[in-house]
Amino acid sequence: MALEKRPLRQIVSKLVVTKEGKRLGLVKDITFESKTGELLQLLLKEATAYTRNLNLELTSAKEVVVPYNSIIAIGDFVVVSEEDLV
């Protein structure tokens, strides 16, 4: 499933939630493949206690990493599949 292309400024600071409605945090930044522009992952700020309990990958700066393949939709929120996170 290909997601619609959006400028970074439309994604940064959006709330990330699971499809069940659990809050994970806010989008701080994204990482992408520079040659293709392919989105690789989202980095979260203000991660919730629920997010910390999921034991997701962390960057060296202790930012929570959300893999691209877990993203279901981007609209008012970034919706992810919790099953694809763990």
Protein backbone atom coordinates (compact mmCIF):
# COMPACT_ATOMS: atom_id res chain seq x y z
CA MET A 1 0.00 0.00 0.00
CA ALA A 2 1.52 3.31 -1.07
CA LEU A 3 0.77 6.34 1.04
CA GLU A 4 0.13 9.71 -0.54
CA LYS A 5 3.21 11.94 -0.65
CA ARG A 6 3.09 14.77 1.90
CA PRO A 7 5.54 17.51 2.83
CA LEU A 8 7.43 16.92 6.07
CA ARG A 9 5.82 19.96 7.73
CA GLN A 10 2.41 18.26 7.37
CA ILE A 11 3.58 15.21 9.32
CA VAL A 12 5.82 16.66 12.05
CA SER A 13 3.97 17.18 15.36
CA LYS A 14 1.04 14.95 14.37
CA LEU A 15 -0.20 12.61 17.06
CA VAL A 16 0.67 8.94 16.44
CA VAL A 17 -2.02 6.49 17.57
CA THR A 18 -2.65 2.79 17.15
CA LYS A 19 -5.70 1.66 15.20
CA GLU A 20 -7.19 0.82 18.61
CA GLY A 21 -6.81 4.49 19.63
CA LYS A 22 -3.85 4.23 22.01
CA ARG A 23 -1.63 7.32 21.96
CA LEU A 24 2.05 6.73 21.23
CA GLY A 25 3.48 10.25 20.98
CA LEU A 26 4.10 13.03 18.47
CA VAL A 27 6.11 12.85 15.25
CA LYS A 28 9.44 14.57 15.86
CA ASP A 29 11.13 13.72 12.58
CA ILE A 30 11.34 11.13 9.84
CA THR A 31 14.19 9.17 8.32
CA PHE A 32 14.20 8.29 4.65
CA GLU A 33 16.36 6.82 1.92
CA SER A 34 18.04 9.84 0.34
CA LYS A 35 18.36 8.31 -3.15
CA THR A 36 14.75 7.19 -3.50
CA GLY A 37 12.95 9.39 -0.98
CA GLU A 38 11.40 6.25 0.54
CA LEU A 39 10.17 6.77 4.11
CA LEU A 40 11.94 4.40 6.51
CA GLN A 41 10.71 5.37 9.96
CA LEU A 42 9.20 8.02 12.19
CA LEU A 43 10.93 9.34 15.28
CA LEU A 44 8.67 10.21 18.20
CA LYS A 45 8.84 12.90 20.84
CA GLU A 46 6.84 12.94 24.04
CA ALA A 47 6.44 9.15 23.93
CA THR A 48 3.71 7.95 26.28
CA ALA A 49 4.16 5.40 29.05
CA TYR A 50 2.24 2.94 26.86
CA THR A 51 4.82 3.42 24.08
CA ARG A 52 7.73 2.84 26.44
CA ASN A 53 6.15 -0.47 27.51
CA LEU A 54 6.13 -1.68 23.89
CA ASN A 55 9.94 -1.92 23.93
CA LEU A 56 10.33 -0.31 20.52
CA GLU A 57 13.70 0.43 18.99
CA LEU A 58 15.41 3.59 20.26
CA THR A 59 17.92 5.85 18.53
CA SER A 60 21.20 6.75 20.21
CA ALA A 61 19.43 9.94 21.39
CA LYS A 62 16.72 7.74 23.04
CA GLU A 63 14.03 8.67 20.51
CA VAL A 64 11.39 6.02 19.85
CA VAL A 65 11.45 4.58 16.31
CA VAL A 66 8.22 3.67 14.50
CA PRO A 67 8.88 1.61 11.34
CA TYR A 68 7.24 2.67 8.07
CA ASN A 69 5.59 -0.71 7.53
CA SER A 70 3.42 -0.15 10.61
CA ILE A 71 1.80 3.04 9.24
CA ILE A 72 -1.80 2.50 8.15
CA ALA A 73 -2.89 6.07 7.40
CA ILE A 74 -1.83 9.68 7.72
CA GLY A 75 -4.56 12.25 8.20
CA ASP A 76 -5.39 14.25 11.30
CA PHE A 77 -3.37 11.55 13.09
CA VAL A 78 -0.73 9.05 12.03
CA VAL A 79 -2.40 5.68 12.55
CA VAL A 80 -0.22 2.62 13.03
CA SER A 81 -0.84 -1.09 13.45
CA GLU A 82 0.36 -2.18 16.87
CA GLU A 83 0.84 -5.75 15.59
CA ASP A 84 3.45 -4.45 13.13
CA LEU A 85 5.34 -2.57 15.85
CA VAL A 86 6.37 -5.59 17.90
